[in-house]
Amino acid sequence: MKARFSWRLTFVALAAAALLGACGDPADPDRPAAEAAPEVPGEQTYRRFCLSCHASGAAGAPRVGDARAWAPRIEQGMEVMLRHTIDGMPGMPPRGMCTRCDDDELRAAIVYMVERSQP
């Protein structure tokens, strides 16, 4: 019985690994790389670090697409928004928790959000 249990456990573990291995890039594997959608500057940084708060409005973050919430921030200008991102704000940690992002990556993420938050 013990060997049978071990075999079942191994089977379940392998099946789980196979299923989890299927998780990942949902891109069509038959689609040539040249046809893949071009990456929008700032989008990857936004999706990895900013989305969790700026999509939901958590901790007072302005939601992407909410032109009214973004208007006063946009009026302050890019350098102020970048400085707030680098230094952090109430409810937002410094660099938006992207400690490896350089200033240009943060700026690109801000531009990405601003472009989608204008009337």
PDB file of N, CA and C in Angstrom:
ATOM      1  N   MET A   1       0.820  -1.196   0.000  1.00  0.00           N
ATOM      2  CA  MET A   1       0.000   0.000   0.000  1.00  0.00           C
ATOM      3  C   MET A   1       0.859   1.254   0.000  1.00  0.00           C
ATOM      4  N   LYS A   2       1.972   1.176   0.721  1.00  0.00           N
ATOM      5  CA  LYS A   2       2.860   2.329   0.808  1.00  0.00           C
ATOM      6  C   LYS A   2       3.420   2.687  -0.568  1.00  0.00           C
ATOM      7  N   ALA A   3       3.818   1.679  -1.360  1.00  0.00           N
ATOM      8  CA  ALA A   3       4.355   1.933  -2.696  1.00  0.00           C
ATOM      9  C   ALA A   3       3.283   2.550  -3.583  1.00  0.00           C
ATOM     10  N   ARG A   4       2.056   2.097  -3.438  1.00  0.00           N
ATOM     11  CA  ARG A   4       0.967   2.635  -4.243  1.00  0.00           C
ATOM     12  C   ARG A   4       0.727   4.103  -3.905  1.00  0.00           C
ATOM     13  N   PHE A   5       0.745   4.443  -2.630  1.00  0.00           N
ATOM     14  CA  PHE A   5       0.579   5.827  -2.210  1.00  0.00           C
ATOM     15  C   PHE A   5       1.704   6.685  -2.775  1.00  0.00           C
ATOM     16  N   SER A   6       2.938   6.176  -2.714  1.00  0.00           N
ATOM     17  CA  SER A   6       4.092   6.909  -3.219  1.00  0.00           C
ATOM     18  C   SER A   6       3.935   7.160  -4.718  1.00  0.00           C
ATOM     19  N   TRP A   7       3.462   6.170  -5.469  1.00  0.00           N
ATOM     20  CA  TRP A   7       3.263   6.320  -6.902  1.00  0.00           C
ATOM     21  C   TRP A   7       2.207   7.380  -7.189  1.00  0.00           C
ATOM     22  N   ARG A   8       1.118   7.370  -6.420  1.00  0.00           N
ATOM     23  CA  ARG A   8       0.056   8.360  -6.608  1.00  0.00           C
ATOM     24  C   ARG A   8       0.562   9.763  -6.291  1.00  0.00           C
ATOM     25  N   LEU A   9       1.309   9.877  -5.222  1.00  0.00           N
ATOM     26  CA  LEU A   9       1.855  11.178  -4.844  1.00  0.00           C
ATOM     27  C   LEU A   9       2.795  11.698  -5.926  1.00  0.00           C
ATOM     28  N   THR A  10       3.626  10.821  -6.460  1.00  0.00           N
ATOM     29  CA  THR A  10       4.531  11.203  -7.546  1.00  0.00           C
ATOM     30  C   THR A  10       3.739  11.633  -8.773  1.00  0.00           C
ATOM     31  N   PHE A  11       2.700  10.891  -9.102  1.00  0.00           N
ATOM     32  CA  PHE A  11       1.872  11.221 -10.255  1.00  0.00           C
ATOM     33  C   PHE A  11       1.223  12.595 -10.079  1.00  0.00           C
ATOM     34  N   VAL A  12       0.665  12.843  -8.906  1.00  0.00           N
ATOM     35  CA  VAL A  12       0.024  14.132  -8.625  1.00  0.00           C
ATOM     36  C   VAL A  12       1.043  15.258  -8.714  1.00  0.00           C
ATOM     37  N   ALA A  13       2.221  15.053  -8.171  1.00  0.00           N
ATOM     38  CA  ALA A  13       3.263  16.076  -8.217  1.00  0.00           C
ATOM     39  C   ALA A  13       3.671  16.372  -9.656  1.00  0.00           C
ATOM     40  N   LEU A  14       3.844  15.328 -10.471  1.00  0.00           N
ATOM     41  CA  LEU A  14       4.213  15.539 -11.877  1.00  0.00           C
ATOM     42  C   LEU A  14       3.098  16.229 -12.654  1.00  0.00           C
ATOM     43  N   ALA A  15       1.867  15.849 -12.392  1.00  0.00           N
ATOM     44  CA  ALA A  15       0.738  16.488 -13.069  1.00  0.00           C
ATOM     45  C   ALA A  15       0.651  17.964 -12.697  1.00  0.00           C
ATOM     46  N   ALA A  16       0.846  18.269 -11.412  1.00  0.00           N
ATOM     47  CA  ALA A  16       0.816  19.670 -10.968  1.00  0.00           C
ATOM     48  C   ALA A  16       1.936  20.458 -11.621  1.00  0.00           C
ATOM     49  N   ALA A  17       3.120  19.878 -11.698  1.00  0.00           N
ATOM     50  CA  ALA A  17       4.252  20.562 -12.326  1.00  0.00           C
ATOM     51  C   ALA A  17       3.969  20.818 -13.803  1.00  0.00           C
ATOM     52  N   ALA A  18       3.362  19.854 -14.478  1.00  0.00           N
ATOM     53  CA  ALA A  18       3.041  20.032 -15.894  1.00  0.00           C
ATOM     54  C   ALA A  18       2.017  21.144 -16.087  1.00  0.00           C
ATOM     55  N   LEU A  19       1.013  21.172 -15.228  1.00  0.00           N
ATOM     56  CA  LEU A  19      -0.004  22.213 -15.332  1.00  0.00           C
ATOM     57  C   LEU A  19       0.574  23.586 -15.028  1.00  0.00           C
ATOM     58  N   LEU A  20       1.391  23.668 -14.004  1.00  0.00           N
ATOM     59  CA  LEU A  20       2.006  24.953 -13.667  1.00  0.00           C
ATOM     60  C   LEU A  20       2.981  25.387 -14.739  1.00  0.00           C
ATOM     61  N   GLY A  21       3.635  24.430 -15.371  1.00  0.00           N
ATOM     62  CA  GLY A  21       4.553  24.765 -16.458  1.00  0.00           C
ATOM     63  C   GLY A  21       3.818  25.374 -17.640  1.00  0.00           C
ATOM     64  N   ALA A  22       2.542  25.089 -17.757  1.00  0.00           N
ATOM     65  CA  ALA A  22       1.749  25.661 -18.845  1.00  0.00           C
ATOM     66  C   ALA A  22       1.391  27.106 -18.572  1.00  0.00           C
ATOM     67  N   CYS A  23       1.506  27.514 -17.302  1.00  0.00           N
ATOM     68  CA  CYS A  23       1.236  28.908 -16.968  1.00  0.00           C
ATOM     69  C   CYS A  23       2.376  29.746 -17.501  1.00  0.00           C
ATOM     70  N   GLY A  24       2.063  30.937 -17.889  1.00  0.00           N
ATOM     71  CA  GLY A  24       3.120  31.806 -18.389  1.00  0.00           C
ATOM     72  C   GLY A  24       2.601  32.656 -19.512  1.00  0.00           C
ATOM     73  N   ASP A  25       3.423  32.860 -20.512  1.00  0.00           N
ATOM     74  CA  ASP A  25       3.091  33.739 -21.611  1.00  0.00           C
ATOM     75  C   ASP A  25       1.937  33.159 -22.421  1.00  0.00           C
ATOM     76  N   PRO A  26       0.791  33.867 -22.447  1.00  0.00           N
ATOM     77  CA  PRO A  26      -0.356  33.346 -23.167  1.00  0.00           C
ATOM     78  C   PRO A  26      -0.268  33.589 -24.672  1.00  0.00           C
ATOM     79  N   ALA A  27       0.847  34.112 -25.154  1.00  0.00           N
ATOM     80  CA  ALA A  27       0.989  34.405 -26.578  1.00  0.00           C
ATOM     81  C   ALA A  27       0.837  33.123 -27.385  1.00  0.00           C
ATOM     82  N   ASP A  28       0.319  33.263 -28.580  1.00  0.00           N
ATOM     83  CA  ASP A  28       0.131  32.138 -29.478  1.00  0.00           C
ATOM     84  C   ASP A  28       1.492  31.608 -29.892  1.00  0.00           C
ATOM     85  N   PRO A  29       1.822  30.345 -29.554  1.00  0.00           N
ATOM     86  CA  PRO A  29       3.143  29.824 -29.886  1.00  0.00           C
ATOM     87  C   PRO A  29       3.357  29.671 -31.385  1.00  0.00           C
ATOM     88  N   ASP A  30       2.275  29.624 -32.169  1.00  0.00           N
ATOM     89  CA  ASP A  30       2.401  29.498 -33.613  1.00  0.00           C
ATOM     90  C   ASP A  30       2.601  30.841 -34.298  1.00  0.00           C
ATOM     91  N   ARG A  31       2.450  31.905 -33.551  1.00  0.00           N
ATOM     92  CA  ARG A  31       2.592  33.246 -34.108  1.00  0.00           C
ATOM     93  C   ARG A  31       4.066  33.621 -34.156  1.00  0.00           C
ATOM     94  N   PRO A  32       4.579  34.029 -35.315  1.00  0.00           N
ATOM     95  CA  PRO A  32       5.987  34.413 -35.405  1.00  0.00           C
ATOM     96  C   PRO A  32       6.294  35.596 -34.478  1.00  0.00           C
ATOM     97  N   ALA A  33       7.507  35.608 -33.954  1.00  0.00           N
ATOM     98  CA  ALA A  33       7.909  36.670 -33.026  1.00  0.00           C
ATOM     99  C   ALA A  33       7.794  38.046 -33.674  1.00  0.00           C
ATOM    100  N   ALA A  34       8.034  38.128 -34.965  1.00  0.00           N
ATOM    101  CA  ALA A  34       7.962  39.419 -35.656  1.00  0.00           C
ATOM    102  C   ALA A  34       6.549  39.989 -35.635  1.00  0.00           C
ATOM    103  N   GLU A  35       5.544  39.121 -35.512  1.00  0.00           N
ATOM    104  CA  GLU A  35       4.162  39.578 -35.488  1.00  0.00           C
ATOM    105  C   GLU A  35       3.673  39.893 -34.076  1.00  0.00           C
ATOM    106  N   ALA A  36       4.469  39.589 -33.078  1.00  0.00           N
ATOM    107  CA  ALA A  36       4.064  39.840 -31.699  1.00  0.00           C
ATOM    108  C   ALA A  36       3.829  41.333 -31.507  1.00  0.00           C
ATOM    109  N   ALA A  37       2.878  41.664 -30.646  1.00  0.00           N
ATOM    110  CA  ALA A  37       2.562  43.067 -30.391  1.00  0.00           C
ATOM    111  C   ALA A  37       3.783  43.764 -29.811  1.00  0.00           C
ATOM    112  N   PRO A  38       4.083  44.954 -30.318  1.00  0.00           N
ATOM    113  CA  PRO A  38       5.236  45.679 -29.796  1.00  0.00           C
ATOM    114  C   PRO A  38       4.993  46.086 -28.345  1.00  0.00           C
ATOM    115  N   GLU A  39       6.049  46.070 -27.561  1.00  0.00           N
ATOM    116  CA  GLU A  39       5.930  46.448 -26.154  1.00  0.00           C
ATOM    117  C   GLU A  39       5.810  47.960 -26.056  1.00  0.00           C
ATOM    118  N   VAL A  40       4.863  48.402 -25.257  1.00  0.00           N
ATOM    119  CA  VAL A  40       4.661  49.827 -25.028  1.00  0.00           C
ATOM    120  C   VAL A  40       5.604  50.236 -23.898  1.00  0.00           C
ATOM    121  N   PRO A  41       6.402  51.296 -24.103  1.00  0.00           N
ATOM    122  CA  PRO A  41       7.310  51.718 -23.029  1.00  0.00           C
ATOM    123  C   PRO A  41       6.532  51.969 -21.726  1.00  0.00           C
ATOM    124  N   GLY A  42       7.056  51.453 -20.644  1.00  0.00           N
ATOM    125  CA  GLY A  42       6.447  51.634 -19.340  1.00  0.00           C
ATOM    126  C   GLY A  42       5.395  50.612 -18.983  1.00  0.00           C
ATOM    127  N   GLU A  43       4.878  49.891 -19.961  1.00  0.00           N
ATOM    128  CA  GLU A  43       3.795  48.943 -19.688  1.00  0.00           C
ATOM    129  C   GLU A  43       4.243  47.803 -18.780  1.00  0.00           C
ATOM    130  N   GLN A  44       5.409  47.246 -19.040  1.00  0.00           N
ATOM    131  CA  GLN A  44       5.875  46.121 -18.218  1.00  0.00           C
ATOM    132  C   GLN A  44       6.100  46.572 -16.773  1.00  0.00           C
ATOM    133  N   THR A  45       6.714  47.719 -16.580  1.00  0.00           N
ATOM    134  CA  THR A  45       6.932  48.230 -15.224  1.00  0.00           C
ATOM    135  C   THR A  45       5.587  48.479 -14.547  1.00  0.00           C
ATOM    136  N   TYR A  46       4.657  49.088 -15.274  1.00  0.00           N
ATOM    137  CA  TYR A  46       3.316  49.323 -14.719  1.00  0.00           C
ATOM    138  C   TYR A  46       2.679  48.007 -14.282  1.00  0.00           C
ATOM    139  N   ARG A  47       2.709  47.017 -15.170  1.00  0.00           N
ATOM    140  CA  ARG A  47       2.040  45.742 -14.871  1.00  0.00           C
ATOM    141  C   ARG A  47       2.696  45.010 -13.694  1.00  0.00           C
ATOM    142  N   ARG A  48       4.006  45.126 -13.559  1.00  0.00           N
ATOM    143  CA  ARG A  48       4.708  44.399 -12.485  1.00  0.00           C
ATOM    144  C   ARG A  48       4.640  45.114 -11.146  1.00  0.00           C
ATOM    145  N   PHE A  49       4.638  46.453 -11.142  1.00  0.00           N
ATOM    146  CA  PHE A  49       4.777  47.159  -9.878  1.00  0.00           C
ATOM    147  C   PHE A  49       3.666  48.161  -9.557  1.00  0.00           C
ATOM    148  N   CYS A  50       3.009  48.706 -10.550  1.00  0.00           N
ATOM    149  CA  CYS A  50       2.058  49.795 -10.309  1.00  0.00           C
ATOM    150  C   CYS A  50       0.602  49.340 -10.335  1.00  0.00           C
ATOM    151  N   LEU A  51       0.324  48.336 -11.122  1.00  0.00           N
ATOM    152  CA  LEU A  51      -1.042  47.882 -11.381  1.00  0.00           C
ATOM    153  C   LEU A  51      -1.822  47.574 -10.110  1.00  0.00           C
ATOM    154  N   SER A  52      -1.203  46.924  -9.148  1.00  0.00           N
ATOM    155  CA  SER A  52      -1.956  46.485  -7.977  1.00  0.00           C
ATOM    156  C   SER A  52      -2.627  47.646  -7.252  1.00  0.00           C
ATOM    157  N   CYS A  53      -2.011  48.798  -7.219  1.00  0.00           N
ATOM    158  CA  CYS A  53      -2.633  49.952  -6.560  1.00  0.00           C
ATOM    159  C   CYS A  53      -3.332  50.884  -7.545  1.00  0.00           C
ATOM    160  N   HIS A  54      -2.718  51.113  -8.704  1.00  0.00           N
ATOM    161  CA  HIS A  54      -3.279  52.085  -9.643  1.00  0.00           C
ATOM    162  C   HIS A  54      -4.434  51.536 -10.476  1.00  0.00           C
ATOM    163  N   ALA A  55      -4.696  50.248 -10.411  1.00  0.00           N
ATOM    164  CA  ALA A  55      -5.885  49.692 -11.067  1.00  0.00           C
ATOM    165  C   ALA A  55      -7.064  49.677 -10.100  1.00  0.00           C
ATOM    166  N   SER A  56      -6.767  49.541  -8.810  1.00  0.00           N
ATOM    167  CA  SER A  56      -7.839  49.417  -7.828  1.00  0.00           C
ATOM    168  C   SER A  56      -8.075  50.684  -7.005  1.00  0.00           C
ATOM    169  N   GLY A  57      -7.082  51.573  -6.989  1.00  0.00           N
ATOM    170  CA  GLY A  57      -7.183  52.766  -6.152  1.00  0.00           C
ATOM    171  C   GLY A  57      -6.745  52.508  -4.713  1.00  0.00           C
ATOM    172  N   ALA A  58      -6.079  51.384  -4.489  1.00  0.00           N
ATOM    173  CA  ALA A  58      -5.619  51.041  -3.138  1.00  0.00           C
ATOM    174  C   ALA A  58      -4.693  52.120  -2.589  1.00  0.00           C
ATOM    175  N   ALA A  59      -4.790  52.348  -1.304  1.00  0.00           N
ATOM    176  CA  ALA A  59      -3.940  53.303  -0.576  1.00  0.00           C
ATOM    177  C   ALA A  59      -4.033  54.720  -1.149  1.00  0.00           C
ATOM    178  N   GLY A  60      -5.147  55.022  -1.798  1.00  0.00           N
ATOM    179  CA  GLY A  60      -5.353  56.368  -2.324  1.00  0.00           C
ATOM    180  C   GLY A  60      -4.701  56.627  -3.669  1.00  0.00           C
ATOM    181  N   ALA A  61      -4.187  55.596  -4.305  1.00  0.00           N
ATOM    182  CA  ALA A  61      -3.551  55.766  -5.615  1.00  0.00           C
ATOM    183  C   ALA A  61      -4.599  56.169  -6.649  1.00  0.00           C
ATOM    184  N   PRO A  62      -4.259  57.138  -7.512  1.00  0.00           N
ATOM    185  CA  PRO A  62      -5.212  57.477  -8.570  1.00  0.00           C
ATOM    186  C   PRO A  62      -5.331  56.306  -9.548  1.00  0.00           C
ATOM    187  N   ARG A  63      -6.556  55.931  -9.861  1.00  0.00           N
ATOM    188  CA  ARG A  63      -6.781  54.810 -10.773  1.00  0.00           C
ATOM    189  C   ARG A  63      -6.460  55.217 -12.200  1.00  0.00           C
ATOM    190  N   VAL A  64      -5.761  54.339 -12.895  1.00  0.00           N
ATOM    191  CA  VAL A  64      -5.462  54.581 -14.305  1.00  0.00           C
ATOM    192  C   VAL A  64      -6.780  54.673 -15.052  1.00  0.00           C
ATOM    193  N   GLY A  65      -6.924  55.703 -15.842  1.00  0.00           N
ATOM    194  CA  GLY A  65      -8.151  55.940 -16.583  1.00  0.00           C
ATOM    195  C   GLY A  65      -9.043  56.982 -15.938  1.00  0.00           C
ATOM    196  N   ASP A  66      -8.782  57.344 -14.702  1.00  0.00           N
ATOM    197  CA  ASP A  66      -9.581  58.338 -13.981  1.00  0.00           C
ATOM    198  C   ASP A  66      -8.978  59.727 -14.218  1.00  0.00           C
ATOM    199  N   ALA A  67      -9.419  60.370 -15.284  1.00  0.00           N
ATOM    200  CA  ALA A  67      -8.858  61.660 -15.684  1.00  0.00           C
ATOM    201  C   ALA A  67      -8.984  62.707 -14.582  1.00  0.00           C
ATOM    202  N   ARG A  68     -10.064  62.660 -13.867  1.00  0.00           N
ATOM    203  CA  ARG A  68     -10.281  63.636 -12.795  1.00  0.00           C
ATOM    204  C   ARG A  68      -9.257  63.494 -11.662  1.00  0.00           C
ATOM    205  N   ALA A  69      -8.959  62.268 -11.293  1.00  0.00           N
ATOM    206  CA  ALA A  69      -7.981  62.020 -10.235  1.00  0.00           C
ATOM    207  C   ALA A  69      -6.557  62.350 -10.681  1.00  0.00           C
ATOM    208  N   TRP A  70      -6.281  62.152 -11.957  1.00  0.00           N
ATOM    209  CA  TRP A  70      -4.936  62.401 -12.468  1.00  0.00           C
ATOM    210  C   TRP A  70      -4.687  63.868 -12.814  1.00  0.00           C
ATOM    211  N   ALA A  71      -5.724  64.628 -13.097  1.00  0.00           N
ATOM    212  CA  ALA A  71      -5.551  66.013 -13.559  1.00  0.00           C
ATOM    213  C   ALA A  71      -4.639  66.849 -12.657  1.00  0.00           C
ATOM    214  N   PRO A  72      -4.857  66.902 -11.335  1.00  0.00           N
ATOM    215  CA  PRO A  72      -3.976  67.728 -10.511  1.00  0.00           C
ATOM    216  C   PRO A  72      -2.528  67.221 -10.493  1.00  0.00           C
ATOM    217  N   ARG A  73      -2.353  65.956 -10.643  1.00  0.00           N
ATOM    218  CA  ARG A  73      -0.997  65.394 -10.669  1.00  0.00           C
ATOM    219  C   ARG A  73      -0.312  65.756 -11.978  1.00  0.00           C
ATOM    220  N   ILE A  74      -1.054  65.631 -13.064  1.00  0.00           N
ATOM    221  CA  ILE A  74      -0.508  65.967 -14.380  1.00  0.00           C
ATOM    222  C   ILE A  74      -0.132  67.451 -14.427  1.00  0.00           C
ATOM    223  N   GLU A  75      -0.950  68.287 -13.811  1.00  0.00           N
ATOM    224  CA  GLU A  75      -0.673  69.735 -13.775  1.00  0.00           C
ATOM    225  C   GLU A  75       0.643  70.039 -13.057  1.00  0.00           C
ATOM    226  N   GLN A  76       1.018  69.211 -12.098  1.00  0.00           N
ATOM    227  CA  GLN A  76       2.286  69.423 -11.387  1.00  0.00           C
ATOM    228  C   GLN A  76       3.492  69.179 -12.278  1.00  0.00           C
ATOM    229  N   GLY A  77       3.316  68.399 -13.310  1.00  0.00           N
ATOM    230  CA  GLY A  77       4.399  68.130 -14.253  1.00  0.00           C
ATOM    231  C   GLY A  77       5.109  66.816 -13.980  1.00  0.00           C
ATOM    232  N   MET A  78       5.803  66.354 -14.993  1.00  0.00           N
ATOM    233  CA  MET A  78       6.486  65.071 -14.941  1.00  0.00           C
ATOM    234  C   MET A  78       7.551  65.023 -13.851  1.00  0.00           C
ATOM    235  N   GLU A  79       8.330  66.077 -13.704  1.00  0.00           N
ATOM    236  CA  GLU A  79       9.416  66.035 -12.723  1.00  0.00           C
ATOM    237  C   GLU A  79       8.893  65.879 -11.299  1.00  0.00           C
ATOM    238  N   VAL A  80       7.771  66.518 -10.985  1.00  0.00           N
ATOM    239  CA  VAL A  80       7.178  66.380  -9.649  1.00  0.00           C
ATOM    240  C   VAL A  80       6.624  64.964  -9.477  1.00  0.00           C
ATOM    241  N   MET A  81       5.931  64.459 -10.496  1.00  0.00           N
ATOM    242  CA  MET A  81       5.402  63.091 -10.397  1.00  0.00           C
ATOM    243  C   MET A  81       6.539  62.082 -10.245  1.00  0.00           C
ATOM    244  N   LEU A  82       7.616  62.288 -10.980  1.00  0.00           N
ATOM    245  CA  LEU A  82       8.763  61.393 -10.874  1.00  0.00           C
ATOM    246  C   LEU A  82       9.389  61.488  -9.483  1.00  0.00           C
ATOM    247  N   ARG A  83       9.532  62.687  -8.958  1.00  0.00           N
ATOM    248  CA  ARG A  83      10.114  62.874  -7.622  1.00  0.00           C
ATOM    249  C   ARG A  83       9.236  62.195  -6.568  1.00  0.00           C
ATOM    250  N   HIS A  84       7.920  62.326  -6.691  1.00  0.00           N
ATOM    251  CA  HIS A  84       7.009  61.666  -5.749  1.00  0.00           C
ATOM    252  C   HIS A  84       7.144  60.145  -5.846  1.00  0.00           C
ATOM    253  N   THR A  85       7.333  59.656  -7.044  1.00  0.00           N
ATOM    254  CA  THR A  85       7.500  58.216  -7.239  1.00  0.00           C
ATOM    255  C   THR A  85       8.812  57.739  -6.620  1.00  0.00           C
ATOM    256  N   ILE A  86       9.871  58.482  -6.860  1.00  0.00           N
ATOM    257  CA  ILE A  86      11.190  58.104  -6.333  1.00  0.00           C
ATOM    258  C   ILE A  86      11.201  58.160  -4.804  1.00  0.00           C
ATOM    259  N   ASP A  87      10.680  59.234  -4.249  1.00  0.00           N
ATOM    260  CA  ASP A  87      10.716  59.434  -2.794  1.00  0.00           C
ATOM    261  C   ASP A  87       9.622  58.682  -2.053  1.00  0.00           C
ATOM    262  N   GLY A  88       8.541  58.374  -2.743  1.00  0.00           N
ATOM    263  CA  GLY A  88       7.392  57.752  -2.104  1.00  0.00           C
ATOM    264  C   GLY A  88       6.394  58.806  -1.651  1.00  0.00           C
ATOM    265  N   MET A  89       5.222  58.363  -1.362  1.00  0.00           N
ATOM    266  CA  MET A  89       4.133  59.235  -0.934  1.00  0.00           C
ATOM    267  C   MET A  89       3.412  58.513   0.205  1.00  0.00           C
ATOM    268  N   PRO A  90       2.538  59.208   0.913  1.00  0.00           N
ATOM    269  CA  PRO A  90       1.734  58.473   1.905  1.00  0.00           C
ATOM    270  C   PRO A  90       0.971  57.345   1.200  1.00  0.00           C
ATOM    271  N   GLY A  91       1.182  56.142   1.638  1.00  0.00           N
ATOM    272  CA  GLY A  91       0.521  54.985   1.026  1.00  0.00           C
ATOM    273  C   GLY A  91       1.309  54.358  -0.107  1.00  0.00           C
ATOM    274  N   MET A  92       2.367  55.034  -0.576  1.00  0.00           N
ATOM    275  CA  MET A  92       3.174  54.488  -1.674  1.00  0.00           C
ATOM    276  C   MET A  92       4.636  54.451  -1.244  1.00  0.00           C
ATOM    277  N   PRO A  93       5.241  53.274  -1.279  1.00  0.00           N
ATOM    278  CA  PRO A  93       6.643  53.176  -0.878  1.00  0.00           C
ATOM    279  C   PRO A  93       7.559  53.828  -1.916  1.00  0.00           C
ATOM    280  N   PRO A  94       8.764  54.201  -1.525  1.00  0.00           N
ATOM    281  CA  PRO A  94       9.712  54.763  -2.485  1.00  0.00           C
ATOM    282  C   PRO A  94       9.880  53.857  -3.697  1.00  0.00           C
ATOM    283  N   ARG A  95       9.924  54.487  -4.840  1.00  0.00           N
ATOM    284  CA  ARG A  95      10.106  53.824  -6.135  1.00  0.00           C
ATOM    285  C   ARG A  95       8.973  52.831  -6.418  1.00  0.00           C
ATOM    286  N   GLY A  96       7.858  52.985  -5.721  1.00  0.00           N
ATOM    287  CA  GLY A  96       6.717  52.102  -5.946  1.00  0.00           C
ATOM    288  C   GLY A  96       7.067  50.641  -5.760  1.00  0.00           C
ATOM    289  N   MET A  97       8.034  50.371  -4.899  1.00  0.00           N
ATOM    290  CA  MET A  97       8.543  49.027  -4.589  1.00  0.00           C
ATOM    291  C   MET A  97       9.392  48.441  -5.706  1.00  0.00           C
ATOM    292  N   CYS A  98       9.684  49.208  -6.731  1.00  0.00           N
ATOM    293  CA  CYS A  98      10.541  48.726  -7.822  1.00  0.00           C
ATOM    294  C   CYS A  98      11.958  49.215  -7.543  1.00  0.00           C
ATOM    295  N   THR A  99      12.611  48.579  -6.602  1.00  0.00           N
ATOM    296  CA  THR A  99      13.938  49.033  -6.187  1.00  0.00           C
ATOM    297  C   THR A  99      14.983  48.892  -7.282  1.00  0.00           C
ATOM    298  N   ARG A 100      14.740  48.028  -8.232  1.00  0.00           N
ATOM    299  CA  ARG A 100      15.701  47.836  -9.336  1.00  0.00           C
ATOM    300  C   ARG A 100      15.414  48.736 -10.534  1.00  0.00           C
ATOM    301  N   CYS A 101      14.286  49.413 -10.523  1.00  0.00           N
ATOM    302  CA  CYS A 101      13.945  50.292 -11.649  1.00  0.00           C
ATOM    303  C   CYS A 101      14.802  51.546 -11.606  1.00  0.00           C
ATOM    304  N   ASP A 102      15.311  51.934 -12.757  1.00  0.00           N
ATOM    305  CA  ASP A 102      16.015  53.209 -12.806  1.00  0.00           C
ATOM    306  C   ASP A 102      14.988  54.313 -13.062  1.00  0.00           C
ATOM    307  N   ASP A 103      15.441  55.552 -12.992  1.00  0.00           N
ATOM    308  CA  ASP A 103      14.519  56.686 -13.132  1.00  0.00           C
ATOM    309  C   ASP A 103      13.798  56.681 -14.476  1.00  0.00           C
ATOM    310  N   ASP A 104      14.484  56.257 -15.535  1.00  0.00           N
ATOM    311  CA  ASP A 104      13.845  56.224 -16.862  1.00  0.00           C
ATOM    312  C   ASP A 104      12.719  55.200 -16.917  1.00  0.00           C
ATOM    313  N   GLU A 105      12.885  54.066 -16.250  1.00  0.00           N
ATOM    314  CA  GLU A 105      11.821  53.065 -16.210  1.00  0.00           C
ATOM    315  C   GLU A 105      10.624  53.587 -15.430  1.00  0.00           C
ATOM    316  N   LEU A 106      10.892  54.281 -14.330  1.00  0.00           N
ATOM    317  CA  LEU A 106       9.791  54.865 -13.550  1.00  0.00           C
ATOM    318  C   LEU A 106       9.084  55.941 -14.357  1.00  0.00           C
ATOM    319  N   ARG A 107       9.846  56.784 -15.048  1.00  0.00           N
ATOM    320  CA  ARG A 107       9.259  57.832 -15.886  1.00  0.00           C
ATOM    321  C   ARG A 107       8.377  57.210 -16.962  1.00  0.00           C
ATOM    322  N   ALA A 108       8.850  56.142 -17.594  1.00  0.00           N
ATOM    323  CA  ALA A 108       8.068  55.474 -18.644  1.00  0.00           C
ATOM    324  C   ALA A 108       6.760  54.909 -18.080  1.00  0.00           C
ATOM    325  N   ALA A 109       6.803  54.381 -16.865  1.00  0.00           N
ATOM    326  CA  ALA A 109       5.582  53.855 -16.237  1.00  0.00           C
ATOM    327  C   ALA A 109       4.607  54.998 -15.953  1.00  0.00           C
ATOM    328  N   ILE A 110       5.123  56.125 -15.517  1.00  0.00           N
ATOM    329  CA  ILE A 110       4.265  57.295 -15.270  1.00  0.00           C
ATOM    330  C   ILE A 110       3.627  57.751 -16.566  1.00  0.00           C
ATOM    331  N   VAL A 111       4.419  57.856 -17.615  1.00  0.00           N
ATOM    332  CA  VAL A 111       3.893  58.266 -18.928  1.00  0.00           C
ATOM    333  C   VAL A 111       2.814  57.289 -19.378  1.00  0.00           C
ATOM    334  N   TYR A 112       3.056  56.004 -19.204  1.00  0.00           N
ATOM    335  CA  TYR A 112       2.075  54.975 -19.571  1.00  0.00           C
ATOM    336  C   TYR A 112       0.753  55.224 -18.851  1.00  0.00           C
ATOM    337  N   MET A 113       0.805  55.493 -17.549  1.00  0.00           N
ATOM    338  CA  MET A 113      -0.417  55.720 -16.778  1.00  0.00           C
ATOM    339  C   MET A 113      -1.080  57.033 -17.165  1.00  0.00           C
ATOM    340  N   VAL A 114      -0.291  58.074 -17.349  1.00  0.00           N
ATOM    341  CA  VAL A 114      -0.838  59.392 -17.701  1.00  0.00           C
ATOM    342  C   VAL A 114      -1.530  59.342 -19.053  1.00  0.00           C
ATOM    343  N   GLU A 115      -0.910  58.693 -20.025  1.00  0.00           N
ATOM    344  CA  GLU A 115      -1.512  58.601 -21.370  1.00  0.00           C
ATOM    345  C   GLU A 115      -2.869  57.922 -21.340  1.00  0.00           C
ATOM    346  N   ARG A 116      -3.083  57.049 -20.392  1.00  0.00           N
ATOM    347  CA  ARG A 116      -4.351  56.327 -20.291  1.00  0.00           C
ATOM    348  C   ARG A 116      -5.316  56.993 -19.323  1.00  0.00           C
ATOM    349  N   SER A 117      -4.924  58.151 -18.808  1.00  0.00           N
ATOM    350  CA  SER A 117      -5.737  58.827 -17.802  1.00  0.00           C
ATOM    351  C   SER A 117      -6.077  60.257 -18.188  1.00  0.00           C
ATOM    352  N   GLN A 118      -6.082  60.535 -19.456  1.00  0.00           N
ATOM    353  CA  GLN A 118      -6.419  61.868 -19.934  1.00  0.00           C
ATOM    354  C   GLN A 118      -7.803  61.841 -20.575  1.00  0.00           C
ATOM    355  N   PRO A 119      -8.489  62.970 -20.501  1.00  0.00           N
ATOM    356  CA  PRO A 119      -9.847  62.987 -21.103  1.00  0.00           C
ATOM    357  C   PRO A 119      -9.817  62.797 -22.604  1.00  0.00           C
TER     358      PRO A 119
END
